[in-house]
Amino acid sequence: MKATIWHNPNCGTSRKTLAILQETPGVDVTIVEYLKNPPSAEKLGQLYRDAGITPAQGLRLRGTDAEERGLPQASDSEVLAAMAAEPVLIERPLVETDKGVRLCRPQEKVHEIL
């Protein structure tokens, strides 16, 4: 099974999720450090749709100025554009497999798509 993780190596939850993926037999992991290689607004939209959440639910509030900018109440397209321009606004980690997408907070959520 192929799995892609949008990963931040400085995040403990992201590191723990990556470890689960790497320790699961038969999983071929692609790691995307999204702060260096941010996904497009279109890709983020697809990931959130596939995860069954809104872009606002995928917005990182802690350590960002998202609330001050009114992003939690903004339109989906505004949130996605802000995330694509400033990937620090993306909550992590996102994992995509053939079985779906999950925002893996807590990291155990990754098991739902393995």
PDB file of N, CA and C in Angstrom:
ATOM      1  N   MET A   1       0.838  -1.183   0.000  1.00  0.00           N
ATOM      2  CA  MET A   1       0.000   0.000   0.000  1.00  0.00           C
ATOM      3  C   MET A   1       0.882   1.244   0.000  1.00  0.00           C
ATOM      4  N   LYS A   2       0.484   2.219  -0.808  1.00  0.00           N
ATOM      5  CA  LYS A   2       1.191   3.488  -0.837  1.00  0.00           C
ATOM      6  C   LYS A   2       0.548   4.449   0.158  1.00  0.00           C
ATOM      7  N   ALA A   3       1.390   5.220   0.836  1.00  0.00           N
ATOM      8  CA  ALA A   3       0.919   6.234   1.769  1.00  0.00           C
ATOM      9  C   ALA A   3       1.763   7.487   1.580  1.00  0.00           C
ATOM     10  N   THR A   4       1.104   8.635   1.590  1.00  0.00           N
ATOM     11  CA  THR A   4       1.801   9.914   1.533  1.00  0.00           C
ATOM     12  C   THR A   4       1.487  10.663   2.812  1.00  0.00           C
ATOM     13  N   ILE A   5       2.534  11.148   3.464  1.00  0.00           N
ATOM     14  CA  ILE A   5       2.357  11.947   4.677  1.00  0.00           C
ATOM     15  C   ILE A   5       2.879  13.345   4.409  1.00  0.00           C
ATOM     16  N   TRP A   6       2.048  14.347   4.708  1.00  0.00           N
ATOM     17  CA  TRP A   6       2.467  15.739   4.681  1.00  0.00           C
ATOM     18  C   TRP A   6       2.984  15.993   6.083  1.00  0.00           C
ATOM     19  N   HIS A   7       4.299  16.092   6.192  1.00  0.00           N
ATOM     20  CA  HIS A   7       5.033  15.919   7.436  1.00  0.00           C
ATOM     21  C   HIS A   7       5.800  17.173   7.836  1.00  0.00           C
ATOM     22  N   ASN A   8       5.857  17.381   9.153  1.00  0.00           N
ATOM     23  CA  ASN A   8       6.720  18.406   9.736  1.00  0.00           C
ATOM     24  C   ASN A   8       7.626  17.681  10.720  1.00  0.00           C
ATOM     25  N   PRO A   9       8.911  17.547  10.419  1.00  0.00           N
ATOM     26  CA  PRO A   9       9.803  16.785  11.287  1.00  0.00           C
ATOM     27  C   PRO A   9       9.968  17.392  12.673  1.00  0.00           C
ATOM     28  N   ASN A  10       9.569  18.643  12.865  1.00  0.00           N
ATOM     29  CA  ASN A  10       9.660  19.283  14.177  1.00  0.00           C
ATOM     30  C   ASN A  10       8.446  19.015  15.056  1.00  0.00           C
ATOM     31  N   CYS A  11       7.460  18.310  14.533  1.00  0.00           N
ATOM     32  CA  CYS A  11       6.206  18.043  15.252  1.00  0.00           C
ATOM     33  C   CYS A  11       6.208  16.614  15.780  1.00  0.00           C
ATOM     34  N   GLY A  12       6.007  16.471  17.080  1.00  0.00           N
ATOM     35  CA  GLY A  12       5.989  15.142  17.687  1.00  0.00           C
ATOM     36  C   GLY A  12       4.890  14.255  17.139  1.00  0.00           C
ATOM     37  N   THR A  13       3.696  14.785  16.952  1.00  0.00           N
ATOM     38  CA  THR A  13       2.592  13.986  16.421  1.00  0.00           C
ATOM     39  C   THR A  13       2.905  13.532  15.007  1.00  0.00           C
ATOM     40  N   SER A  14       3.503  14.398  14.221  1.00  0.00           N
ATOM     41  CA  SER A  14       3.865  14.044  12.858  1.00  0.00           C
ATOM     42  C   SER A  14       4.940  12.950  12.857  1.00  0.00           C
ATOM     43  N   ARG A  15       5.922  13.076  13.737  1.00  0.00           N
ATOM     44  CA  ARG A  15       6.971  12.051  13.818  1.00  0.00           C
ATOM     45  C   ARG A  15       6.392  10.706  14.260  1.00  0.00           C
ATOM     46  N   LYS A  16       5.466  10.722  15.212  1.00  0.00           N
ATOM     47  CA  LYS A  16       4.853   9.476  15.690  1.00  0.00           C
ATOM     48  C   LYS A  16       4.005   8.831  14.594  1.00  0.00           C
ATOM     49  N   THR A  17       3.291   9.656  13.830  1.00  0.00           N
ATOM     50  CA  THR A  17       2.489   9.130  12.724  1.00  0.00           C
ATOM     51  C   THR A  17       3.395   8.511  11.664  1.00  0.00           C
ATOM     52  N   LEU A  18       4.473   9.181  11.338  1.00  0.00           N
ATOM     53  CA  LEU A  18       5.432   8.644  10.369  1.00  0.00           C
ATOM     54  C   LEU A  18       5.998   7.311  10.862  1.00  0.00           C
ATOM     55  N   ALA A  19       6.301   7.216  12.147  1.00  0.00           N
ATOM     56  CA  ALA A  19       6.831   5.960  12.697  1.00  0.00           C
ATOM     57  C   ALA A  19       5.822   4.831  12.529  1.00  0.00           C
ATOM     58  N   ILE A  20       4.542   5.111  12.758  1.00  0.00           N
ATOM     59  CA  ILE A  20       3.510   4.079  12.570  1.00  0.00           C
ATOM     60  C   ILE A  20       3.514   3.610  11.124  1.00  0.00           C
ATOM     61  N   LEU A  21       3.569   4.557  10.192  1.00  0.00           N
ATOM     62  CA  LEU A  21       3.580   4.200   8.773  1.00  0.00           C
ATOM     63  C   LEU A  21       4.809   3.359   8.429  1.00  0.00           C
ATOM     64  N   GLN A  22       5.963   3.760   8.924  1.00  0.00           N
ATOM     65  CA  GLN A  22       7.201   3.057   8.601  1.00  0.00           C
ATOM     66  C   GLN A  22       7.262   1.673   9.238  1.00  0.00           C
ATOM     67  N   GLU A  23       6.579   1.490  10.365  1.00  0.00           N
ATOM     68  CA  GLU A  23       6.603   0.207  11.076  1.00  0.00           C
ATOM     69  C   GLU A  23       5.515  -0.752  10.600  1.00  0.00           C
ATOM     70  N   THR A  24       4.603  -0.271   9.749  1.00  0.00           N
ATOM     71  CA  THR A  24       3.519  -1.113   9.267  1.00  0.00           C
ATOM     72  C   THR A  24       3.987  -1.874   8.034  1.00  0.00           C
ATOM     73  N   PRO A  25       3.982  -3.211   8.107  1.00  0.00           N
ATOM     74  CA  PRO A  25       4.452  -4.007   6.964  1.00  0.00           C
ATOM     75  C   PRO A  25       3.635  -3.713   5.701  1.00  0.00           C
ATOM     76  N   GLY A  26       4.334  -3.633   4.576  1.00  0.00           N
ATOM     77  CA  GLY A  26       3.675  -3.456   3.291  1.00  0.00           C
ATOM     78  C   GLY A  26       3.312  -2.031   2.937  1.00  0.00           C
ATOM     79  N   VAL A  27       3.690  -1.061   3.779  1.00  0.00           N
ATOM     80  CA  VAL A  27       3.371   0.335   3.488  1.00  0.00           C
ATOM     81  C   VAL A  27       4.599   1.007   2.875  1.00  0.00           C
ATOM     82  N   ASP A  28       4.402   1.558   1.684  1.00  0.00           N
ATOM     83  CA  ASP A  28       5.433   2.302   0.968  1.00  0.00           C
ATOM     84  C   ASP A  28       5.148   3.782   1.207  1.00  0.00           C
ATOM     85  N   VAL A  29       5.992   4.439   2.007  1.00  0.00           N
ATOM     86  CA  VAL A  29       5.719   5.800   2.465  1.00  0.00           C
ATOM     87  C   VAL A  29       6.446   6.837   1.615  1.00  0.00           C
ATOM     88  N   THR A  30       5.696   7.834   1.184  1.00  0.00           N
ATOM     89  CA  THR A  30       6.263   9.029   0.568  1.00  0.00           C
ATOM     90  C   THR A  30       6.123  10.153   1.579  1.00  0.00           C
ATOM     91  N   ILE A  31       7.225  10.807   1.880  1.00  0.00           N
ATOM     92  CA  ILE A  31       7.230  11.890   2.867  1.00  0.00           C
ATOM     93  C   ILE A  31       7.339  13.218   2.134  1.00  0.00           C
ATOM     94  N   VAL A  32       6.378  14.098   2.399  1.00  0.00           N
ATOM     95  CA  VAL A  32       6.402  15.438   1.830  1.00  0.00           C
ATOM     96  C   VAL A  32       6.539  16.411   3.000  1.00  0.00           C
ATOM     97  N   GLU A  33       7.673  17.088   3.068  1.00  0.00           N
ATOM     98  CA  GLU A  33       7.835  18.125   4.087  1.00  0.00           C
ATOM     99  C   GLU A  33       7.107  19.360   3.566  1.00  0.00           C
ATOM    100  N   TYR A  34       5.863  19.512   4.014  1.00  0.00           N
ATOM    101  CA  TYR A  34       4.973  20.506   3.419  1.00  0.00           C
ATOM    102  C   TYR A  34       5.423  21.943   3.658  1.00  0.00           C
ATOM    103  N   LEU A  35       6.259  22.188   4.665  1.00  0.00           N
ATOM    104  CA  LEU A  35       6.749  23.557   4.853  1.00  0.00           C
ATOM    105  C   LEU A  35       7.748  23.931   3.756  1.00  0.00           C
ATOM    106  N   LYS A  36       8.448  22.929   3.208  1.00  0.00           N
ATOM    107  CA  LYS A  36       9.399  23.155   2.114  1.00  0.00           C
ATOM    108  C   LYS A  36       8.728  23.008   0.752  1.00  0.00           C
ATOM    109  N   ASN A  37       7.753  22.101   0.648  1.00  0.00           N
ATOM    110  CA  ASN A  37       7.058  21.801  -0.607  1.00  0.00           C
ATOM    111  C   ASN A  37       5.553  21.823  -0.361  1.00  0.00           C
ATOM    112  N   PRO A  38       4.973  23.002  -0.218  1.00  0.00           N
ATOM    113  CA  PRO A  38       3.554  23.069   0.126  1.00  0.00           C
ATOM    114  C   PRO A  38       2.650  22.552  -0.988  1.00  0.00           C
ATOM    115  N   PRO A  39       1.573  21.873  -0.589  1.00  0.00           N
ATOM    116  CA  PRO A  39       0.587  21.454  -1.590  1.00  0.00           C
ATOM    117  C   PRO A  39      -0.164  22.670  -2.129  1.00  0.00           C
ATOM    118  N   SER A  40      -0.693  22.517  -3.317  1.00  0.00           N
ATOM    119  CA  SER A  40      -1.505  23.592  -3.902  1.00  0.00           C
ATOM    120  C   SER A  40      -2.838  23.687  -3.176  1.00  0.00           C
ATOM    121  N   ALA A  41      -3.513  24.795  -3.382  1.00  0.00           N
ATOM    122  CA  ALA A  41      -4.855  24.952  -2.817  1.00  0.00           C
ATOM    123  C   ALA A  41      -5.768  23.846  -3.334  1.00  0.00           C
ATOM    124  N   GLU A  42      -5.613  23.459  -4.596  1.00  0.00           N
ATOM    125  CA  GLU A  42      -6.444  22.412  -5.183  1.00  0.00           C
ATOM    126  C   GLU A  42      -6.182  21.072  -4.498  1.00  0.00           C
ATOM    127  N   LYS A  43      -4.905  20.748  -4.276  1.00  0.00           N
ATOM    128  CA  LYS A  43      -4.568  19.483  -3.618  1.00  0.00           C
ATOM    129  C   LYS A  43      -5.088  19.480  -2.176  1.00  0.00           C
ATOM    130  N   LEU A  44      -4.923  20.581  -1.479  1.00  0.00           N
ATOM    131  CA  LEU A  44      -5.448  20.666  -0.112  1.00  0.00           C
ATOM    132  C   LEU A  44      -6.960  20.481  -0.095  1.00  0.00           C
ATOM    133  N   GLY A  45      -7.639  21.101  -1.044  1.00  0.00           N
ATOM    134  CA  GLY A  45      -9.090  20.942  -1.122  1.00  0.00           C
ATOM    135  C   GLY A  45      -9.481  19.491  -1.306  1.00  0.00           C
ATOM    136  N   GLN A  46      -8.761  18.795  -2.184  1.00  0.00           N
ATOM    137  CA  GLN A  46      -9.028  17.368  -2.417  1.00  0.00           C
ATOM    138  C   GLN A  46      -8.754  16.553  -1.149  1.00  0.00           C
ATOM    139  N   LEU A  47      -7.657  16.843  -0.468  1.00  0.00           N
ATOM    140  CA  LEU A  47      -7.327  16.107   0.761  1.00  0.00           C
ATOM    141  C   LEU A  47      -8.410  16.291   1.816  1.00  0.00           C
ATOM    142  N   TYR A  48      -8.852  17.523   2.013  1.00  0.00           N
ATOM    143  CA  TYR A  48      -9.882  17.765   3.032  1.00  0.00           C
ATOM    144  C   TYR A  48     -11.219  17.152   2.635  1.00  0.00           C
ATOM    145  N   ARG A  49     -11.577  17.213   1.363  1.00  0.00           N
ATOM    146  CA  ARG A  49     -12.816  16.549   0.917  1.00  0.00           C
ATOM    147  C   ARG A  49     -12.734  15.055   1.197  1.00  0.00           C
ATOM    148  N   ASP A  50     -11.601  14.444   0.819  1.00  0.00           N
ATOM    149  CA  ASP A  50     -11.432  13.002   1.016  1.00  0.00           C
ATOM    150  C   ASP A  50     -11.393  12.624   2.499  1.00  0.00           C
ATOM    151  N   ALA A  51     -10.947  13.553   3.339  1.00  0.00           N
ATOM    152  CA  ALA A  51     -10.914  13.303   4.782  1.00  0.00           C
ATOM    153  C   ALA A  51     -12.268  13.563   5.438  1.00  0.00           C
ATOM    154  N   GLY A  52     -13.182  14.197   4.683  1.00  0.00           N
ATOM    155  CA  GLY A  52     -14.502  14.507   5.232  1.00  0.00           C
ATOM    156  C   GLY A  52     -14.491  15.671   6.211  1.00  0.00           C
ATOM    157  N   ILE A  53     -13.537  16.578   6.036  1.00  0.00           N
ATOM    158  CA  ILE A  53     -13.470  17.762   6.894  1.00  0.00           C
ATOM    159  C   ILE A  53     -13.421  19.012   6.028  1.00  0.00           C
ATOM    160  N   THR A  54     -13.703  20.143   6.647  1.00  0.00           N
ATOM    161  CA  THR A  54     -13.636  21.418   5.933  1.00  0.00           C
ATOM    162  C   THR A  54     -12.214  21.957   6.006  1.00  0.00           C
ATOM    163  N   PRO A  55     -11.859  22.852   5.097  1.00  0.00           N
ATOM    164  CA  PRO A  55     -10.546  23.474   5.201  1.00  0.00           C
ATOM    165  C   PRO A  55     -10.329  24.154   6.560  1.00  0.00           C
ATOM    166  N   ALA A  56     -11.365  24.782   7.096  1.00  0.00           N
ATOM    167  CA  ALA A  56     -11.221  25.428   8.409  1.00  0.00           C
ATOM    168  C   ALA A  56     -10.879  24.410   9.500  1.00  0.00           C
ATOM    169  N   GLN A  57     -11.375  23.177   9.363  1.00  0.00           N
ATOM    170  CA  GLN A  57     -11.050  22.133  10.335  1.00  0.00           C
ATOM    171  C   GLN A  57      -9.606  21.663  10.191  1.00  0.00           C
ATOM    172  N   GLY A  58      -9.005  21.930   9.043  1.00  0.00           N
ATOM    173  CA  GLY A  58      -7.613  21.576   8.809  1.00  0.00           C
ATOM    174  C   GLY A  58      -6.652  22.733   9.040  1.00  0.00           C
ATOM    175  N   LEU A  59      -7.172  23.806   9.594  1.00  0.00           N
ATOM    176  CA  LEU A  59      -6.394  25.020   9.831  1.00  0.00           C
ATOM    177  C   LEU A  59      -5.652  24.930  11.156  1.00  0.00           C
ATOM    178  N   ARG A  60      -4.373  25.213  11.123  1.00  0.00           N
ATOM    179  CA  ARG A  60      -3.578  25.227  12.358  1.00  0.00           C
ATOM    180  C   ARG A  60      -3.766  26.572  13.041  1.00  0.00           C
ATOM    181  N   LEU A  61      -4.269  26.531  14.258  1.00  0.00           N
ATOM    182  CA  LEU A  61      -4.498  27.752  15.019  1.00  0.00           C
ATOM    183  C   LEU A  61      -3.333  28.040  15.966  1.00  0.00           C
ATOM    184  N   ARG A  62      -2.830  26.987  16.599  1.00  0.00           N
ATOM    185  CA  ARG A  62      -1.761  27.147  17.582  1.00  0.00           C
ATOM    186  C   ARG A  62      -0.473  27.609  16.892  1.00  0.00           C
ATOM    187  N   GLY A  63       0.090  28.693  17.412  1.00  0.00           N
ATOM    188  CA  GLY A  63       1.353  29.183  16.873  1.00  0.00           C
ATOM    189  C   GLY A  63       1.230  29.924  15.551  1.00  0.00           C
ATOM    190  N   THR A  64       0.010  30.266  15.154  1.00  0.00           N
ATOM    191  CA  THR A  64      -0.187  31.022  13.910  1.00  0.00           C
ATOM    192  C   THR A  64      -1.067  32.243  14.192  1.00  0.00           C
ATOM    193  N   ASP A  65      -1.210  33.082  13.195  1.00  0.00           N
ATOM    194  CA  ASP A  65      -2.083  34.250  13.318  1.00  0.00           C
ATOM    195  C   ASP A  65      -3.428  34.017  12.629  1.00  0.00           C
ATOM    196  N   ALA A  66      -3.807  32.758  12.466  1.00  0.00           N
ATOM    197  CA  ALA A  66      -5.032  32.421  11.732  1.00  0.00           C
ATOM    198  C   ALA A  66      -6.265  33.061  12.353  1.00  0.00           C
ATOM    199  N   GLU A  67      -6.370  33.014  13.676  1.00  0.00           N
ATOM    200  CA  GLU A  67      -7.557  33.594  14.321  1.00  0.00           C
ATOM    201  C   GLU A  67      -7.590  35.104  14.151  1.00  0.00           C
ATOM    202  N   GLU A  68      -6.451  35.755  14.323  1.00  0.00           N
ATOM    203  CA  GLU A  68      -6.400  37.212  14.168  1.00  0.00           C
ATOM    204  C   GLU A  68      -6.790  37.629  12.749  1.00  0.00           C
ATOM    205  N   ARG A  69      -6.493  36.785  11.795  1.00  0.00           N
ATOM    206  CA  ARG A  69      -6.819  37.084  10.390  1.00  0.00           C
ATOM    207  C   ARG A  69      -8.244  36.690  10.024  1.00  0.00           C
ATOM    208  N   GLY A  70      -8.971  36.092  10.963  1.00  0.00           N
ATOM    209  CA  GLY A  70     -10.354  35.705  10.701  1.00  0.00           C
ATOM    210  C   GLY A  70     -10.490  34.462   9.843  1.00  0.00           C
ATOM    211  N   LEU A  71      -9.421  33.682   9.704  1.00  0.00           N
ATOM    212  CA  LEU A  71      -9.464  32.513   8.817  1.00  0.00           C
ATOM    213  C   LEU A  71     -10.439  31.427   9.273  1.00  0.00           C
ATOM    214  N   PRO A  72     -10.642  31.202  10.572  1.00  0.00           N
ATOM    215  CA  PRO A  72     -11.615  30.156  10.946  1.00  0.00           C
ATOM    216  C   PRO A  72     -13.034  30.438  10.419  1.00  0.00           C
ATOM    217  N   GLN A  73     -13.355  31.706  10.163  1.00  0.00           N
ATOM    218  CA  GLN A  73     -14.681  32.071   9.643  1.00  0.00           C
ATOM    219  C   GLN A  73     -14.660  32.381   8.154  1.00  0.00           C
ATOM    220  N   ALA A  74     -13.515  32.292   7.528  1.00  0.00           N
ATOM    221  CA  ALA A  74     -13.378  32.640   6.112  1.00  0.00           C
ATOM    222  C   ALA A  74     -13.956  31.536   5.224  1.00  0.00           C
ATOM    223  N   SER A  75     -14.122  31.858   3.962  1.00  0.00           N
ATOM    224  CA  SER A  75     -14.622  30.876   3.002  1.00  0.00           C
ATOM    225  C   SER A  75     -13.575  29.790   2.778  1.00  0.00           C
ATOM    226  N   ASP A  76     -14.029  28.643   2.283  1.00  0.00           N
ATOM    227  CA  ASP A  76     -13.101  27.546   1.996  1.00  0.00           C
ATOM    228  C   ASP A  76     -11.991  28.000   1.067  1.00  0.00           C
ATOM    229  N   SER A  77     -12.338  28.733   0.013  1.00  0.00           N
ATOM    230  CA  SER A  77     -11.321  29.147  -0.955  1.00  0.00           C
ATOM    231  C   SER A  77     -10.316  30.105  -0.328  1.00  0.00           C
ATOM    232  N   GLU A  78     -10.766  30.968   0.564  1.00  0.00           N
ATOM    233  CA  GLU A  78      -9.840  31.877   1.247  1.00  0.00           C
ATOM    234  C   GLU A  78      -8.886  31.111   2.165  1.00  0.00           C
ATOM    235  N   VAL A  79      -9.416  30.123   2.888  1.00  0.00           N
ATOM    236  CA  VAL A  79      -8.592  29.317   3.791  1.00  0.00           C
ATOM    237  C   VAL A  79      -7.562  28.533   2.982  1.00  0.00           C
ATOM    238  N   LEU A  80      -8.009  27.895   1.906  1.00  0.00           N
ATOM    239  CA  LEU A  80      -7.094  27.103   1.076  1.00  0.00           C
ATOM    240  C   LEU A  80      -6.006  27.973   0.449  1.00  0.00           C
ATOM    241  N   ALA A  81      -6.367  29.157  -0.012  1.00  0.00           N
ATOM    242  CA  ALA A  81      -5.379  30.065  -0.601  1.00  0.00           C
ATOM    243  C   ALA A  81      -4.354  30.496   0.449  1.00  0.00           C
ATOM    244  N   ALA A  82      -4.828  30.786   1.660  1.00  0.00           N
ATOM    245  CA  ALA A  82      -3.909  31.187   2.736  1.00  0.00           C
ATOM    246  C   ALA A  82      -2.964  30.049   3.099  1.00  0.00           C
ATOM    247  N   MET A  83      -3.488  28.822   3.153  1.00  0.00           N
ATOM    248  CA  MET A  83      -2.650  27.665   3.473  1.00  0.00           C
ATOM    249  C   MET A  83      -1.610  27.412   2.398  1.00  0.00           C
ATOM    250  N   ALA A  84      -2.000  27.523   1.145  1.00  0.00           N
ATOM    251  CA  ALA A  84      -1.057  27.299   0.043  1.00  0.00           C
ATOM    252  C   ALA A  84       0.046  28.359   0.056  1.00  0.00           C
ATOM    253  N   ALA A  85      -0.316  29.595   0.414  1.00  0.00           N
ATOM    254  CA  ALA A  85       0.665  30.676   0.453  1.00  0.00           C
ATOM    255  C   ALA A  85       1.541  30.610   1.695  1.00  0.00           C
ATOM    256  N   GLU A  86       0.959  30.153   2.796  1.00  0.00           N
ATOM    257  CA  GLU A  86       1.678  30.087   4.075  1.00  0.00           C
ATOM    258  C   GLU A  86       1.428  28.712   4.699  1.00  0.00           C
ATOM    259  N   PRO A  87       2.218  27.711   4.321  1.00  0.00           N
ATOM    260  CA  PRO A  87       1.946  26.339   4.757  1.00  0.00           C
ATOM    261  C   PRO A  87       2.010  26.125   6.271  1.00  0.00           C
ATOM    262  N   VAL A  88       2.541  27.083   7.023  1.00  0.00           N
ATOM    263  CA  VAL A  88       2.529  26.961   8.480  1.00  0.00           C
ATOM    264  C   VAL A  88       1.081  26.906   8.997  1.00  0.00           C
ATOM    265  N   LEU A  89       0.126  27.345   8.180  1.00  0.00           N
ATOM    266  CA  LEU A  89      -1.291  27.336   8.554  1.00  0.00           C
ATOM    267  C   LEU A  89      -1.934  25.956   8.409  1.00  0.00           C
ATOM    268  N   ILE A  90      -1.226  24.990   7.825  1.00  0.00           N
ATOM    269  CA  ILE A  90      -1.758  23.642   7.622  1.00  0.00           C
ATOM    270  C   ILE A  90      -1.543  22.820   8.889  1.00  0.00           C
ATOM    271  N   GLU A  91      -2.632  22.305   9.457  1.00  0.00           N
ATOM    272  CA  GLU A  91      -2.506  21.400  10.603  1.00  0.00           C
ATOM    273  C   GLU A  91      -1.922  20.095  10.105  1.00  0.00           C
ATOM    274  N   ARG A  92      -1.117  19.475  10.936  1.00  0.00           N
ATOM    275  CA  ARG A  92      -0.407  18.272  10.518  1.00  0.00           C
ATOM    276  C   ARG A  92      -0.592  17.163  11.511  1.00  0.00           C
ATOM    277  N   PRO A  93      -0.278  15.954  11.062  1.00  0.00           N
ATOM    278  CA  PRO A  93       0.061  15.534   9.705  1.00  0.00           C
ATOM    279  C   PRO A  93      -1.173  15.058   8.950  1.00  0.00           C
ATOM    280  N   LEU A  94      -1.174  15.278   7.675  1.00  0.00           N
ATOM    281  CA  LEU A  94      -2.176  14.704   6.780  1.00  0.00           C
ATOM    282  C   LEU A  94      -1.574  13.456   6.158  1.00  0.00           C
ATOM    283  N   VAL A  95      -2.364  12.388   6.105  1.00  0.00           N
ATOM    284  CA  VAL A  95      -1.905  11.143   5.488  1.00  0.00           C
ATOM    285  C   VAL A  95      -2.945  10.699   4.470  1.00  0.00           C
ATOM    286  N   GLU A  96      -2.472  10.318   3.274  1.00  0.00           N
ATOM    287  CA  GLU A  96      -3.343   9.835   2.202  1.00  0.00           C
ATOM    288  C   GLU A  96      -2.904   8.437   1.803  1.00  0.00           C
ATOM    289  N   THR A  97      -3.869   7.512   1.759  1.00  0.00           N
ATOM    290  CA  THR A  97      -3.645   6.168   1.237  1.00  0.00           C
ATOM    291  C   THR A  97      -4.785   5.860   0.264  1.00  0.00           C
ATOM    292  N   ASP A  98      -4.753   4.660  -0.323  1.00  0.00           N
ATOM    293  CA  ASP A  98      -5.850   4.241  -1.201  1.00  0.00           C
ATOM    294  C   ASP A  98      -7.166   4.148  -0.447  1.00  0.00           C
ATOM    295  N   LYS A  99      -7.104   4.031   0.873  1.00  0.00           N
ATOM    296  CA  LYS A  99      -8.315   3.885   1.692  1.00  0.00           C
ATOM    297  C   LYS A  99      -8.872   5.215   2.169  1.00  0.00           C
ATOM    298  N   GLY A 100      -8.174   6.317   1.878  1.00  0.00           N
ATOM    299  CA  GLY A 100      -8.693   7.616   2.280  1.00  0.00           C
ATOM    300  C   GLY A 100      -7.621   8.546   2.808  1.00  0.00           C
ATOM    301  N   VAL A 101      -8.091   9.622   3.435  1.00  0.00           N
ATOM    302  CA  VAL A 101      -7.217  10.659   3.986  1.00  0.00           C
ATOM    303  C   VAL A 101      -7.644  10.911   5.422  1.00  0.00           C
ATOM    304  N   ARG A 102      -6.658  11.142   6.278  1.00  0.00           N
ATOM    305  CA  ARG A 102      -6.942  11.512   7.667  1.00  0.00           C
ATOM    306  C   ARG A 102      -5.982  12.615   8.095  1.00  0.00           C
ATOM    307  N   LEU A 103      -6.528  13.541   8.893  1.00  0.00           N
ATOM    308  CA  LEU A 103      -5.714  14.462   9.654  1.00  0.00           C
ATOM    309  C   LEU A 103      -5.417  13.700  10.939  1.00  0.00           C
ATOM    310  N   CYS A 104      -4.194  13.282  11.102  1.00  0.00           N
ATOM    311  CA  CYS A 104      -3.832  12.300  12.136  1.00  0.00           C
ATOM    312  C   CYS A 104      -3.483  12.964  13.461  1.00  0.00           C
ATOM    313  N   ARG A 105      -4.491  13.556  14.063  1.00  0.00           N
ATOM    314  CA  ARG A 105      -4.400  14.113  15.400  1.00  0.00           C
ATOM    315  C   ARG A 105      -5.545  13.517  16.178  1.00  0.00           C
ATOM    316  N   PRO A 106      -5.335  12.565  17.032  1.00  0.00           N
ATOM    317  CA  PRO A 106      -4.054  11.984  17.427  1.00  0.00           C
ATOM    318  C   PRO A 106      -3.524  11.029  16.352  1.00  0.00           C
ATOM    319  N   GLN A 107      -2.270  10.652  16.510  1.00  0.00           N
ATOM    320  CA  GLN A 107      -1.582   9.849  15.482  1.00  0.00           C
ATOM    321  C   GLN A 107      -2.250   8.511  15.223  1.00  0.00           C
ATOM    322  N   GLU A 108      -2.987   7.970  16.183  1.00  0.00           N
ATOM    323  CA  GLU A 108      -3.643   6.687  16.004  1.00  0.00           C
ATOM    324  C   GLU A 108      -4.689   6.701  14.882  1.00  0.00           C
ATOM    325  N   LYS A 109      -5.153   7.889  14.496  1.00  0.00           N
ATOM    326  CA  LYS A 109      -6.141   7.986  13.415  1.00  0.00           C
ATOM    327  C   LYS A 109      -5.620   7.396  12.113  1.00  0.00           C
ATOM    328  N   VAL A 110      -4.298   7.318  11.965  1.00  0.00           N
ATOM    329  CA  VAL A 110      -3.734   6.764  10.733  1.00  0.00           C
ATOM    330  C   VAL A 110      -4.154   5.325  10.533  1.00  0.00           C
ATOM    331  N   HIS A 111      -4.429   4.598  11.612  1.00  0.00           N
ATOM    332  CA  HIS A 111      -4.836   3.201  11.498  1.00  0.00           C
ATOM    333  C   HIS A 111      -6.153   3.038  10.728  1.00  0.00           C
ATOM    334  N   GLU A 112      -6.981   4.097  10.700  1.00  0.00           N
ATOM    335  CA  GLU A 112      -8.269   4.047  10.002  1.00  0.00           C
ATOM    336  C   GLU A 112      -8.095   3.873   8.504  1.00  0.00           C
ATOM    337  N   ILE A 113      -6.931   4.238   7.977  1.00  0.00           N
ATOM    338  CA  ILE A 113      -6.728   4.193   6.522  1.00  0.00           C
ATOM    339  C   ILE A 113      -5.594   3.251   6.124  1.00  0.00           C
ATOM    340  N   LEU A 114      -5.203   2.379   7.021  1.00  0.00           N
ATOM    341  CA  LEU A 114      -4.166   1.388   6.704  1.00  0.00           C
ATOM    342  C   LEU A 114      -4.775   0.031   6.477  1.00  0.00           C
TER     343      LEU A 114
END
